[in-house]
C-alpha cells in the first residue's frame, strides 16, 4: 500500500515537475534575454512610479503580471533573473500568494457559485493592501536577495552567446530547486489521498468553519482548498458544493478565506528557493484570511444580508 502510494506520488511529482518546468524554463530564459533588449527597460520605466507606491522597483511588475496571468511558477522563474532586495522579494511573495493564476482560479470560484467581481476585488485588493502595509511597516530588508543555488549578483553577459549561456545557467538550477520541492510534496499528497486523510482533516475543520460563520458541511471545501489549492482542489470543492448542499452564503465565505489562504503547504514551500522567511508569509496569509472572513460574515449577519441570501438561494 505504502509502496504503491510512493510510486504513484513519484510519478505525479515527475509529471508535475515536467509540466511546471515547461513554464519556468522558457520564462526564465525569455526574461533573462529581454533584460538585454530595449523592451524590458521601456516597460520598467513606464510603470516605475506606480510600483514605487508599494515599495517595488519597476522590473518587479514582470513577475506580478506573469504570476497573475499564468501561475506562481512562472513568476518565480522571472524573479530568479532579477537583482531584487530581500524586502522586494518578500513583498512580491506576499502579493503573489494572494493574487495568482487569476484566470483558472476565478473560473473555479465561478463554477462553485461565487461571483466573479468578488474574486477580482478581493485577490488583487489584498495583494496591493498587503504590499503597502509591509512597505510602510518594514524598514529593513535592503540587502540583495540570494536565490539558493543561483547567484543574484552575476556579472553582465556580453554577446548573444554569453547572454544565452547566462540565461541557461539561471533556468537550470531553478528547475532543479523546484523539483526538490514539488516531487516530495506530490508524494506526501498522494499518501494523504490514499489513506483518506482528507476526510479526517475535513472533520477536524468542522469546528473551525463553524467558528468562522459557516455550517459544518463547508469543511470538505475548506480542507480541499487549504491542502491542494483552488486549482488542484477544484474537483473536490465542486463535488462538495454539489453533493453536500453547501449554501451560496457559506461557499462565498469559504472562498473569501481560501482566496487569502489556500494550498498552505505548496504555496508556502515554493518560495523557499527565493531565500525569504516563509513563516511570516504563512502567518500573514492565515491572519488575513481569518480576519477577512470574520469581518465579512459579521457585517452580512448584522445587516440582515445573510438571511436574504439564504432565502434567495435555499
C-alpha atoms as a PDB file:
ATOM      1  CA  UNK A   1       0.000   0.000   0.000  1.00  0.00           C
ATOM      2  CA  UNK A   2       2.706   2.471   1.030  1.00  0.00           C
ATOM      3  CA  UNK A   3       4.942   1.424  -1.874  1.00  0.00           C
ATOM      4  CA  UNK A   4       2.088   1.958  -4.346  1.00  0.00           C
ATOM      5  CA  UNK A   5       1.421   5.398  -2.863  1.00  0.00           C
ATOM      6  CA  UNK A   6       5.110   6.303  -3.102  1.00  0.00           C
ATOM      7  CA  UNK A   7       5.241   5.091  -6.701  1.00  0.00           C
ATOM      8  CA  UNK A   8       2.128   6.997  -7.749  1.00  0.00           C
ATOM      9  CA  UNK A   9       3.303  10.087  -5.867  1.00  0.00           C
ATOM     10  CA  UNK A  10       6.719   9.946  -7.543  1.00  0.00           C
ATOM     11  CA  UNK A  11       5.153   9.627 -10.996  1.00  0.00           C
ATOM     12  CA  UNK A  12       2.783  12.515 -10.298  1.00  0.00           C
ATOM     13  CA  UNK A  13       5.695  14.559  -8.933  1.00  0.00           C
ATOM     14  CA  UNK A  14       7.798  13.929 -12.033  1.00  0.00           C
ATOM     15  CA  UNK A  15       4.854  14.717 -14.298  1.00  0.00           C
ATOM     16  CA  UNK A  16       4.121  17.908 -12.356  1.00  0.00           C
ATOM     17  CA  UNK A  17       7.786  18.937 -12.448  1.00  0.00           C
ATOM     18  CA  UNK A  18       7.847  18.391 -16.220  1.00  0.00           C
ATOM     19  CA  UNK A  19       4.638  20.405 -16.657  1.00  0.00           C
ATOM     20  CA  UNK A  20       5.879  23.257 -14.479  1.00  0.00           C
ATOM     21  CA  UNK A  21       9.357  23.085 -15.960  1.00  0.00           C
ATOM     22  CA  UNK A  22       7.915  23.752 -19.406  1.00  0.00           C
ATOM     23  CA  UNK A  23       6.700  27.054 -17.957  1.00  0.00           C
ATOM     24  CA  UNK A  24       9.590  28.067 -15.709  1.00  0.00           C
ATOM     25  CA  UNK A  25      12.429  27.182 -18.087  1.00  0.00           C
ATOM     26  CA  UNK A  26      11.343  29.240 -21.115  1.00  0.00           C
ATOM     27  CA  UNK A  27      10.030  32.105 -18.957  1.00  0.00           C
ATOM     28  CA  UNK A  28      13.372  32.358 -17.144  1.00  0.00           C
ATOM     29  CA  UNK A  29      15.287  32.340 -20.435  1.00  0.00           C
ATOM     30  CA  UNK A  30      12.961  34.835 -22.166  1.00  0.00           C
ATOM     31  CA  UNK A  31      13.004  37.300 -19.260  1.00  0.00           C
ATOM     32  CA  UNK A  32      16.787  36.974 -18.961  1.00  0.00           C
ATOM     33  CA  UNK A  33      17.247  37.751 -22.642  1.00  0.00           C
ATOM     34  CA  UNK A  34      14.702  40.610 -22.599  1.00  0.00           C
ATOM     35  CA  UNK A  35      16.787  42.340 -19.936  1.00  0.00           C
ATOM     36  CA  UNK A  36      19.379  42.958 -22.639  1.00  0.00           C
ATOM     37  CA  UNK A  37      16.849  44.446 -25.086  1.00  0.00           C
ATOM     38  CA  UNK A  38      15.059  47.848 -25.077  1.00  0.00           C
ATOM     39  CA  UNK A  39      11.684  46.160 -24.352  1.00  0.00           C
ATOM     40  CA  UNK A  40      12.097  45.425 -20.655  1.00  0.00           C
ATOM     41  CA  UNK A  41      13.716  48.765 -19.730  1.00  0.00           C
ATOM     42  CA  UNK A  42      10.869  50.586 -21.532  1.00  0.00           C
ATOM     43  CA  UNK A  43       8.195  48.678 -19.611  1.00  0.00           C
ATOM     44  CA  UNK A  44      10.033  49.229 -16.336  1.00  0.00           C
ATOM     45  CA  UNK A  45      10.339  52.968 -16.928  1.00  0.00           C
ATOM     46  CA  UNK A  46       6.644  53.207 -17.789  1.00  0.00           C
ATOM     47  CA  UNK A  47       5.354  51.638 -14.586  1.00  0.00           C
ATOM     48  CA  UNK A  48       8.105  52.559 -12.113  1.00  0.00           C
ATOM     49  CA  UNK A  49       6.129  55.450 -10.495  1.00  0.00           C
ATOM     50  CA  UNK A  50       3.213  53.116  -9.704  1.00  0.00           C
ATOM     51  CA  UNK A  51       5.442  50.342  -8.363  1.00  0.00           C
ATOM     52  CA  UNK A  52       7.259  52.736  -6.023  1.00  0.00           C
ATOM     53  CA  UNK A  53       3.980  53.314  -4.180  1.00  0.00           C
ATOM     54  CA  UNK A  54       4.083  49.699  -2.989  1.00  0.00           C
ATOM     55  CA  UNK A  55       7.813  49.564  -2.339  1.00  0.00           C
ATOM     56  CA  UNK A  56       8.889  47.822  -5.529  1.00  0.00           C
ATOM     57  CA  UNK A  57      11.153  48.691  -8.425  1.00  0.00           C
ATOM     58  CA  UNK A  58       9.683  48.833 -11.919  1.00  0.00           C
ATOM     59  CA  UNK A  59      11.016  45.466 -13.074  1.00  0.00           C
ATOM     60  CA  UNK A  60       9.145  43.756 -10.224  1.00  0.00           C
ATOM     61  CA  UNK A  61       5.971  44.235 -12.272  1.00  0.00           C
ATOM     62  CA  UNK A  62       7.062  41.422 -14.583  1.00  0.00           C
ATOM     63  CA  UNK A  63       6.690  38.561 -12.057  1.00  0.00           C
ATOM     64  CA  UNK A  64       3.421  40.135 -10.865  1.00  0.00           C
ATOM     65  CA  UNK A  65       1.994  40.054 -14.384  1.00  0.00           C
ATOM     66  CA  UNK A  66       3.277  36.541 -15.091  1.00  0.00           C
ATOM     67  CA  UNK A  67       2.007  35.253 -11.747  1.00  0.00           C
ATOM     68  CA  UNK A  68      -1.493  36.599 -12.278  1.00  0.00           C
ATOM     69  CA  UNK A  69      -1.814  35.690 -15.958  1.00  0.00           C
ATOM     70  CA  UNK A  70      -0.010  32.330 -15.683  1.00  0.00           C
ATOM     71  CA  UNK A  71       0.940  30.946 -12.266  1.00  0.00           C
ATOM     72  CA  UNK A  72       3.345  31.208  -9.335  1.00  0.00           C
ATOM     73  CA  UNK A  73       5.996  29.115 -11.030  1.00  0.00           C
ATOM     74  CA  UNK A  74       6.220  31.475 -13.975  1.00  0.00           C
ATOM     75  CA  UNK A  75       6.509  34.399 -11.549  1.00  0.00           C
ATOM     76  CA  UNK A  76       9.286  32.683  -9.621  1.00  0.00           C
ATOM     77  CA  UNK A  77      11.080  31.953 -12.883  1.00  0.00           C
ATOM     78  CA  UNK A  78      11.078  35.702 -13.568  1.00  0.00           C
ATOM     79  CA  UNK A  79      12.173  36.636 -10.027  1.00  0.00           C
ATOM     80  CA  UNK A  80      15.181  34.309 -10.321  1.00  0.00           C
ATOM     81  CA  UNK A  81      16.517  36.502 -13.133  1.00  0.00           C
ATOM     82  CA  UNK A  82      16.337  39.784 -11.210  1.00  0.00           C
ATOM     83  CA  UNK A  83      18.507  41.606  -8.708  1.00  0.00           C
ATOM     84  CA  UNK A  84      15.959  42.485  -6.034  1.00  0.00           C
ATOM     85  CA  UNK A  85      16.260  43.225  -2.321  1.00  0.00           C
ATOM     86  CA  UNK A  86      15.028  40.820   0.350  1.00  0.00           C
ATOM     87  CA  UNK A  87      12.193  43.239   1.116  1.00  0.00           C
ATOM     88  CA  UNK A  88      11.140  43.427  -2.535  1.00  0.00           C
ATOM     89  CA  UNK A  89      11.136  39.634  -2.894  1.00  0.00           C
ATOM     90  CA  UNK A  90       9.106  39.264   0.315  1.00  0.00           C
ATOM     91  CA  UNK A  91       6.553  41.855  -0.859  1.00  0.00           C
ATOM     92  CA  UNK A  92       6.297  40.038  -4.190  1.00  0.00           C
ATOM     93  CA  UNK A  93       5.844  36.698  -2.416  1.00  0.00           C
ATOM     94  CA  UNK A  94       3.029  38.068  -0.251  1.00  0.00           C
ATOM     95  CA  UNK A  95       1.321  39.756  -3.209  1.00  0.00           C
ATOM     96  CA  UNK A  96       1.598  36.646  -5.378  1.00  0.00           C
ATOM     97  CA  UNK A  97       0.362  34.371  -2.590  1.00  0.00           C
ATOM     98  CA  UNK A  98      -2.845  36.432  -2.502  1.00  0.00           C
ATOM     99  CA  UNK A  99      -3.232  37.010  -6.239  1.00  0.00           C
ATOM    100  CA  UNK A 100      -2.037  34.498  -8.834  1.00  0.00           C
ATOM    101  CA  UNK A 101      -3.386  32.277 -11.615  1.00  0.00           C
ATOM    102  CA  UNK A 102      -6.434  34.543 -11.805  1.00  0.00           C
ATOM    103  CA  UNK A 103      -7.984  33.062 -14.955  1.00  0.00           C
ATOM    104  CA  UNK A 104      -8.114  29.424 -13.846  1.00  0.00           C
ATOM    105  CA  UNK A 105      -8.827  30.009 -10.167  1.00  0.00           C
ATOM    106  CA  UNK A 106     -11.507  32.624 -10.910  1.00  0.00           C
ATOM    107  CA  UNK A 107     -13.155  30.037 -13.143  1.00  0.00           C
ATOM    108  CA  UNK A 108     -13.143  27.552 -10.262  1.00  0.00           C
ATOM    109  CA  UNK A 109     -14.749  30.105  -7.962  1.00  0.00           C
ATOM    110  CA  UNK A 110     -17.464  30.890 -10.517  1.00  0.00           C
ATOM    111  CA  UNK A 111     -18.119  27.163 -11.033  1.00  0.00           C
ATOM    112  CA  UNK A 112     -18.988  26.849  -7.331  1.00  0.00           C
ATOM    113  CA  UNK A 113     -21.286  29.867  -7.456  1.00  0.00           C
ATOM    114  CA  UNK A 114     -19.019  32.675  -6.247  1.00  0.00           C
ATOM    115  CA  UNK A 115     -19.451  35.954  -8.130  1.00  0.00           C
ATOM    116  CA  UNK A 116     -16.564  36.969 -10.392  1.00  0.00           C
ATOM    117  CA  UNK A 117     -16.432  40.527  -9.044  1.00  0.00           C
ATOM    118  CA  UNK A 118     -15.829  39.213  -5.517  1.00  0.00           C
ATOM    119  CA  UNK A 119     -12.745  37.331  -6.734  1.00  0.00           C
ATOM    120  CA  UNK A 120     -11.404  40.231  -8.812  1.00  0.00           C
ATOM    121  CA  UNK A 121     -11.855  42.734  -5.972  1.00  0.00           C
ATOM    122  CA  UNK A 122     -10.615  40.514  -3.145  1.00  0.00           C
ATOM    123  CA  UNK A 123      -7.454  38.919  -4.510  1.00  0.00           C
ATOM    124  CA  UNK A 124      -5.719  41.881  -6.226  1.00  0.00           C
ATOM    125  CA  UNK A 125      -7.059  44.123  -3.439  1.00  0.00           C
ATOM    126  CA  UNK A 126      -5.409  42.019  -0.734  1.00  0.00           C
ATOM    127  CA  UNK A 127      -2.185  41.954  -2.772  1.00  0.00           C
ATOM    128  CA  UNK A 128      -1.970  45.741  -3.085  1.00  0.00           C
ATOM    129  CA  UNK A 129      -3.016  46.495   0.511  1.00  0.00           C
ATOM    130  CA  UNK A 130      -0.537  43.967   1.916  1.00  0.00           C
ATOM    131  CA  UNK A 131       2.283  45.451  -0.162  1.00  0.00           C
ATOM    132  CA  UNK A 132       1.523  48.976   1.047  1.00  0.00           C
ATOM    133  CA  UNK A 133       1.394  47.866   4.710  1.00  0.00           C
ATOM    134  CA  UNK A 134       4.638  45.849   4.502  1.00  0.00           C
ATOM    135  CA  UNK A 135       6.404  48.721   2.748  1.00  0.00           C
ATOM    136  CA  UNK A 136       5.325  51.171   5.476  1.00  0.00           C
ATOM    137  CA  UNK A 137       5.971  48.884   8.447  1.00  0.00           C
ATOM    138  CA  UNK A 138       9.194  47.078   7.454  1.00  0.00           C
ATOM    139  CA  UNK A 139      12.201  49.373   7.254  1.00  0.00           C
ATOM    140  CA  UNK A 140      14.811  46.645   6.778  1.00  0.00           C
ATOM    141  CA  UNK A 141      15.436  44.023   4.091  1.00  0.00           C
ATOM    142  CA  UNK A 142      17.656  46.243   1.961  1.00  0.00           C
ATOM    143  CA  UNK A 143      20.240  43.542   1.211  1.00  0.00           C
ATOM    144  CA  UNK A 144      20.273  41.901  -2.203  1.00  0.00           C
ATOM    145  CA  UNK A 145      18.291  38.651  -2.174  1.00  0.00           C
ATOM    146  CA  UNK A 146      20.167  35.389  -2.673  1.00  0.00           C
ATOM    147  CA  UNK A 147      18.260  32.691  -4.556  1.00  0.00           C
ATOM    148  CA  UNK A 148      19.508  29.352  -3.243  1.00  0.00           C
ATOM    149  CA  UNK A 149      21.841  27.872  -5.856  1.00  0.00           C
ATOM    150  CA  UNK A 150      21.611  30.975  -8.002  1.00  0.00           C
ATOM    151  CA  UNK A 151      23.959  33.903  -7.628  1.00  0.00           C
ATOM    152  CA  UNK A 152      21.836  37.022  -7.915  1.00  0.00           C
ATOM    153  CA  UNK A 153      24.897  39.227  -8.431  1.00  0.00           C
ATOM    154  CA  UNK A 154      26.137  37.685 -11.666  1.00  0.00           C
ATOM    155  CA  UNK A 155      28.103  39.947 -13.987  1.00  0.00           C
ATOM    156  CA  UNK A 156      26.517  41.326 -17.135  1.00  0.00           C
ATOM    157  CA  UNK A 157      26.925  38.957 -20.058  1.00  0.00           C
ATOM    158  CA  UNK A 158      28.407  40.161 -23.335  1.00  0.00           C
ATOM    159  CA  UNK A 159      27.390  38.927 -26.775  1.00  0.00           C
ATOM    160  CA  UNK A 160      24.345  36.848 -27.666  1.00  0.00           C
ATOM    161  CA  UNK A 161      26.073  33.567 -26.855  1.00  0.00           C
ATOM    162  CA  UNK A 162      27.062  34.848 -23.425  1.00  0.00           C
ATOM    163  CA  UNK A 163      23.521  36.093 -22.781  1.00  0.00           C
ATOM    164  CA  UNK A 164      22.009  32.720 -23.747  1.00  0.00           C
ATOM    165  CA  UNK A 165      24.511  30.787 -21.615  1.00  0.00           C
ATOM    166  CA  UNK A 166      23.822  33.019 -18.625  1.00  0.00           C
ATOM    167  CA  UNK A 167      20.070  32.500 -19.098  1.00  0.00           C
ATOM    168  CA  UNK A 168      20.534  28.722 -19.170  1.00  0.00           C
ATOM    169  CA  UNK A 169      22.649  28.916 -16.011  1.00  0.00           C
ATOM    170  CA  UNK A 170      19.746  30.617 -14.236  1.00  0.00           C
ATOM    171  CA  UNK A 171      16.975  28.426 -15.653  1.00  0.00           C
ATOM    172  CA  UNK A 172      18.601  25.029 -14.955  1.00  0.00           C
ATOM    173  CA  UNK A 173      19.115  25.394 -11.180  1.00  0.00           C
ATOM    174  CA  UNK A 174      15.668  26.975 -10.899  1.00  0.00           C
ATOM    175  CA  UNK A 175      14.077  23.789 -12.285  1.00  0.00           C
ATOM    176  CA  UNK A 176      16.228  21.611 -10.008  1.00  0.00           C
ATOM    177  CA  UNK A 177      15.193  23.525  -6.899  1.00  0.00           C
ATOM    178  CA  UNK A 178      11.533  23.337  -7.885  1.00  0.00           C
ATOM    179  CA  UNK A 179      11.808  19.558  -8.426  1.00  0.00           C
ATOM    180  CA  UNK A 180      13.313  19.163  -4.949  1.00  0.00           C
ATOM    181  CA  UNK A 181      10.139  20.724  -3.534  1.00  0.00           C
ATOM    182  CA  UNK A 182       7.422  19.522  -5.909  1.00  0.00           C
ATOM    183  CA  UNK A 183       8.297  15.803  -6.044  1.00  0.00           C
ATOM    184  CA  UNK A 184       8.329  15.193  -2.244  1.00  0.00           C
ATOM    185  CA  UNK A 185       5.192  17.340  -1.945  1.00  0.00           C
ATOM    186  CA  UNK A 186       3.304  15.268  -4.544  1.00  0.00           C
ATOM    187  CA  UNK A 187       4.373  12.049  -2.795  1.00  0.00           C
ATOM    188  CA  UNK A 188       3.027  13.305   0.544  1.00  0.00           C
ATOM    189  CA  UNK A 189      -0.232  14.477  -1.045  1.00  0.00           C
ATOM    190  CA  UNK A 190      -0.694  11.066  -2.742  1.00  0.00           C
ATOM    191  CA  UNK A 191      -0.186   9.266   0.568  1.00  0.00           C
ATOM    192  CA  UNK A 192      -2.717  11.578   2.252  1.00  0.00           C
ATOM    193  CA  UNK A 193      -5.221  10.839  -0.508  1.00  0.00           C
ATOM    194  CA  UNK A 194      -4.718   7.068  -0.302  1.00  0.00           C
ATOM    195  CA  UNK A 195      -5.143   6.906   3.467  1.00  0.00           C
ATOM    196  CA  UNK A 196      -8.308   9.038   3.238  1.00  0.00           C
ATOM    197  CA  UNK A 197      -6.728  11.681   5.432  1.00  0.00           C
ATOM    198  CA  UNK A 198      -8.677  14.427   3.667  1.00  0.00           C
ATOM    199  CA  UNK A 199     -11.885  13.083   5.201  1.00  0.00           C
ATOM    200  CA  UNK A 200     -10.294  13.127   8.658  1.00  0.00           C
ATOM    201  CA  UNK A 201      -8.982  16.625   8.100  1.00  0.00           C
ATOM    202  CA  UNK A 202     -12.444  17.725   6.983  1.00  0.00           C
ATOM    203  CA  UNK A 203     -13.950  16.506  10.246  1.00  0.00           C
ATOM    204  CA  UNK A 204     -11.230  18.368  12.146  1.00  0.00           C
ATOM    205  CA  UNK A 205     -12.041  21.506  10.166  1.00  0.00           C
ATOM    206  CA  UNK A 206     -15.761  21.398  11.054  1.00  0.00           C
ATOM    207  CA  UNK A 207     -15.480  23.339  14.360  1.00  0.00           C
ATOM    208  CA  UNK A 208     -13.207  25.893  12.689  1.00  0.00           C
ATOM    209  CA  UNK A 209     -15.583  26.523   9.802  1.00  0.00           C
ATOM    210  CA  UNK A 210     -18.422  26.884  12.295  1.00  0.00           C
ATOM    211  CA  UNK A 211     -16.477  29.471  14.287  1.00  0.00           C
ATOM    212  CA  UNK A 212     -15.967  31.433  11.047  1.00  0.00           C
ATOM    213  CA  UNK A 213     -19.714  31.607  10.449  1.00  0.00           C
ATOM    214  CA  UNK A 214     -20.097  28.633   8.102  1.00  0.00           C
ATOM    215  CA  UNK A 215     -22.018  25.373   8.505  1.00  0.00           C
ATOM    216  CA  UNK A 216     -20.128  22.121   9.071  1.00  0.00           C
ATOM    217  CA  UNK A 217     -20.808  20.856   5.531  1.00  0.00           C
ATOM    218  CA  UNK A 218     -18.369  23.523   4.271  1.00  0.00           C
ATOM    219  CA  UNK A 219     -15.445  21.706   5.917  1.00  0.00           C
ATOM    220  CA  UNK A 220     -14.627  19.481   2.918  1.00  0.00           C
ATOM    221  CA  UNK A 221     -14.419  22.511   0.627  1.00  0.00           C
ATOM    222  CA  UNK A 222     -12.183  24.289   3.138  1.00  0.00           C
ATOM    223  CA  UNK A 223      -9.955  21.246   3.603  1.00  0.00           C
ATOM    224  CA  UNK A 224      -9.506  20.712  -0.146  1.00  0.00           C
ATOM    225  CA  UNK A 225      -8.661  24.378  -0.711  1.00  0.00           C
ATOM    226  CA  UNK A 226      -6.246  24.588   2.206  1.00  0.00           C
ATOM    227  CA  UNK A 227      -4.374  21.418   1.256  1.00  0.00           C
ATOM    228  CA  UNK A 228      -4.470  21.393  -2.559  1.00  0.00           C
ATOM    229  CA  UNK A 229      -5.309  24.964  -3.574  1.00  0.00           C
ATOM    230  CA  UNK A 230      -8.110  26.434  -5.658  1.00  0.00           C
ATOM    231  CA  UNK A 231      -6.925  24.856  -8.914  1.00  0.00           C
ATOM    232  CA  UNK A 232      -5.700  21.440  -7.697  1.00  0.00           C
ATOM    233  CA  UNK A 233      -8.578  21.068  -5.230  1.00  0.00           C
ATOM    234  CA  UNK A 234     -11.195  22.262  -7.716  1.00  0.00           C
ATOM    235  CA  UNK A 235     -12.689  18.828  -8.327  1.00  0.00           C
ATOM    236  CA  UNK A 236     -13.090  18.104  -4.632  1.00  0.00           C
ATOM    237  CA  UNK A 237     -14.540  21.547  -3.915  1.00  0.00           C
ATOM    238  CA  UNK A 238     -17.042  21.475  -6.791  1.00  0.00           C
ATOM    239  CA  UNK A 239     -18.155  17.970  -5.821  1.00  0.00           C
ATOM    240  CA  UNK A 240     -18.565  19.031  -2.186  1.00  0.00           C
ATOM    241  CA  UNK A 241     -20.706  22.013  -3.172  1.00  0.00           C
ATOM    242  CA  UNK A 242     -22.924  19.906  -5.427  1.00  0.00           C
ATOM    243  CA  UNK A 243     -23.290  16.849  -3.170  1.00  0.00           C
ATOM    244  CA  UNK A 244     -23.230  18.318   0.335  1.00  0.00           C
ATOM    245  CA  UNK A 245     -25.651  21.164  -0.282  1.00  0.00           C
ATOM    246  CA  UNK A 246     -23.305  23.984   0.722  1.00  0.00           C
ATOM    247  CA  UNK A 247     -25.228  27.278   0.629  1.00  0.00           C
ATOM    248  CA  UNK A 248     -24.173  30.230  -1.505  1.00  0.00           C
ATOM    249  CA  UNK A 249     -23.505  32.200   1.659  1.00  0.00           C
ATOM    250  CA  UNK A 250     -21.196  29.532   3.088  1.00  0.00           C
ATOM    251  CA  UNK A 251     -19.334  28.927  -0.173  1.00  0.00           C
ATOM    252  CA  UNK A 252     -18.794  32.679  -0.558  1.00  0.00           C
ATOM    253  CA  UNK A 253     -17.357  32.927   2.972  1.00  0.00           C
ATOM    254  CA  UNK A 254     -15.254  29.805   2.354  1.00  0.00           C
ATOM    255  CA  UNK A 255     -13.805  31.278  -0.832  1.00  0.00           C
ATOM    256  CA  UNK A 256     -13.103  34.600   0.879  1.00  0.00           C
ATOM    257  CA  UNK A 257     -10.987  32.630   3.342  1.00  0.00           C
ATOM    258  CA  UNK A 258      -9.365  30.466   0.669  1.00  0.00           C
ATOM    259  CA  UNK A 259      -8.592  33.387  -1.643  1.00  0.00           C
ATOM    260  CA  UNK A 260      -6.350  34.694   1.128  1.00  0.00           C
ATOM    261  CA  UNK A 261      -5.023  31.359   2.352  1.00  0.00           C
ATOM    262  CA  UNK A 262      -5.028  28.238   0.163  1.00  0.00           C
ATOM    263  CA  UNK A 263      -2.547  25.477  -0.734  1.00  0.00           C
ATOM    264  CA  UNK A 264      -0.765  26.332   2.502  1.00  0.00           C
ATOM    265  CA  UNK A 265       1.938  23.700   2.010  1.00  0.00           C
ATOM    266  CA  UNK A 266       2.763  24.094  -1.674  1.00  0.00           C
ATOM    267  CA  UNK A 267       2.241  27.855  -1.995  1.00  0.00           C
ATOM    268  CA  UNK A 268       4.499  28.393   1.018  1.00  0.00           C
ATOM    269  CA  UNK A 269       7.294  25.946   0.222  1.00  0.00           C
ATOM    270  CA  UNK A 270       7.722  27.028  -3.398  1.00  0.00           C
ATOM    271  CA  UNK A 271       9.029  30.374  -2.154  1.00  0.00           C
ATOM    272  CA  UNK A 272      11.899  28.674  -0.269  1.00  0.00           C
ATOM    273  CA  UNK A 273      14.323  28.965  -3.254  1.00  0.00           C
ATOM    274  CA  UNK A 274      13.879  32.750  -3.112  1.00  0.00           C
ATOM    275  CA  UNK A 275      15.576  32.854   0.290  1.00  0.00           C
ATOM    276  CA  UNK A 276      12.790  34.713   2.136  1.00  0.00           C
ATOM    277  CA  UNK A 277      11.363  33.908   5.604  1.00  0.00           C
ATOM    278  CA  UNK A 278       8.370  31.670   4.858  1.00  0.00           C
ATOM    279  CA  UNK A 279       6.871  31.506   8.386  1.00  0.00           C
ATOM    280  CA  UNK A 280       5.882  35.217   8.350  1.00  0.00           C
ATOM    281  CA  UNK A 281       4.491  34.675   4.838  1.00  0.00           C
ATOM    282  CA  UNK A 282       2.255  31.853   6.098  1.00  0.00           C
ATOM    283  CA  UNK A 283       1.167  33.758   9.206  1.00  0.00           C
ATOM    284  CA  UNK A 284       0.256  36.852   7.160  1.00  0.00           C
ATOM    285  CA  UNK A 285      -1.923  34.779   4.828  1.00  0.00           C
ATOM    286  CA  UNK A 286      -3.630  32.894   7.664  1.00  0.00           C
ATOM    287  CA  UNK A 287      -4.266  36.024   9.749  1.00  0.00           C
ATOM    288  CA  UNK A 288      -5.696  37.973   6.807  1.00  0.00           C
ATOM    289  CA  UNK A 289      -7.940  35.031   5.858  1.00  0.00           C
ATOM    290  CA  UNK A 290      -9.380  34.725   9.372  1.00  0.00           C
ATOM    291  CA  UNK A 291      -9.892  38.463   9.871  1.00  0.00           C
ATOM    292  CA  UNK A 292     -11.413  38.988   6.397  1.00  0.00           C
ATOM    293  CA  UNK A 293     -13.873  36.105   6.793  1.00  0.00           C
ATOM    294  CA  UNK A 294     -14.939  37.165  10.284  1.00  0.00           C
ATOM    295  CA  UNK A 295     -15.428  40.809   9.253  1.00  0.00           C
ATOM    296  CA  UNK A 296     -17.484  39.999   6.146  1.00  0.00           C
ATOM    297  CA  UNK A 297     -19.535  37.363   7.971  1.00  0.00           C
ATOM    298  CA  UNK A 298     -20.275  39.751  10.832  1.00  0.00           C
ATOM    299  CA  UNK A 299     -21.259  42.600   8.509  1.00  0.00           C
ATOM    300  CA  UNK A 300     -23.556  40.353   6.496  1.00  0.00           C
ATOM    301  CA  UNK A 301     -25.166  38.979   9.641  1.00  0.00           C
ATOM    302  CA  UNK A 302     -25.760  42.367  11.266  1.00  0.00           C
ATOM    303  CA  UNK A 303     -27.171  43.937   8.112  1.00  0.00           C
ATOM    304  CA  UNK A 304     -29.511  41.001   7.579  1.00  0.00           C
ATOM    305  CA  UNK A 305     -27.968  40.277   4.156  1.00  0.00           C
ATOM    306  CA  UNK A 306     -27.274  36.669   5.051  1.00  0.00           C
ATOM    307  CA  UNK A 307     -30.919  35.984   5.745  1.00  0.00           C
ATOM    308  CA  UNK A 308     -31.888  37.461   2.378  1.00  0.00           C
ATOM    309  CA  UNK A 309     -29.203  35.402   0.627  1.00  0.00           C
ATOM    310  CA  UNK A 310     -30.363  32.218   2.321  1.00  0.00           C
ATOM    311  CA  UNK A 311     -33.964  32.952   1.351  1.00  0.00           C
ATOM    312  CA  UNK A 312     -32.876  33.553  -2.236  1.00  0.00           C
ATOM    313  CA  UNK A 313     -30.632  30.512  -2.703  1.00  0.00           C
ATOM    314  CA  UNK A 314     -32.159  27.840  -0.462  1.00  0.00           C
END
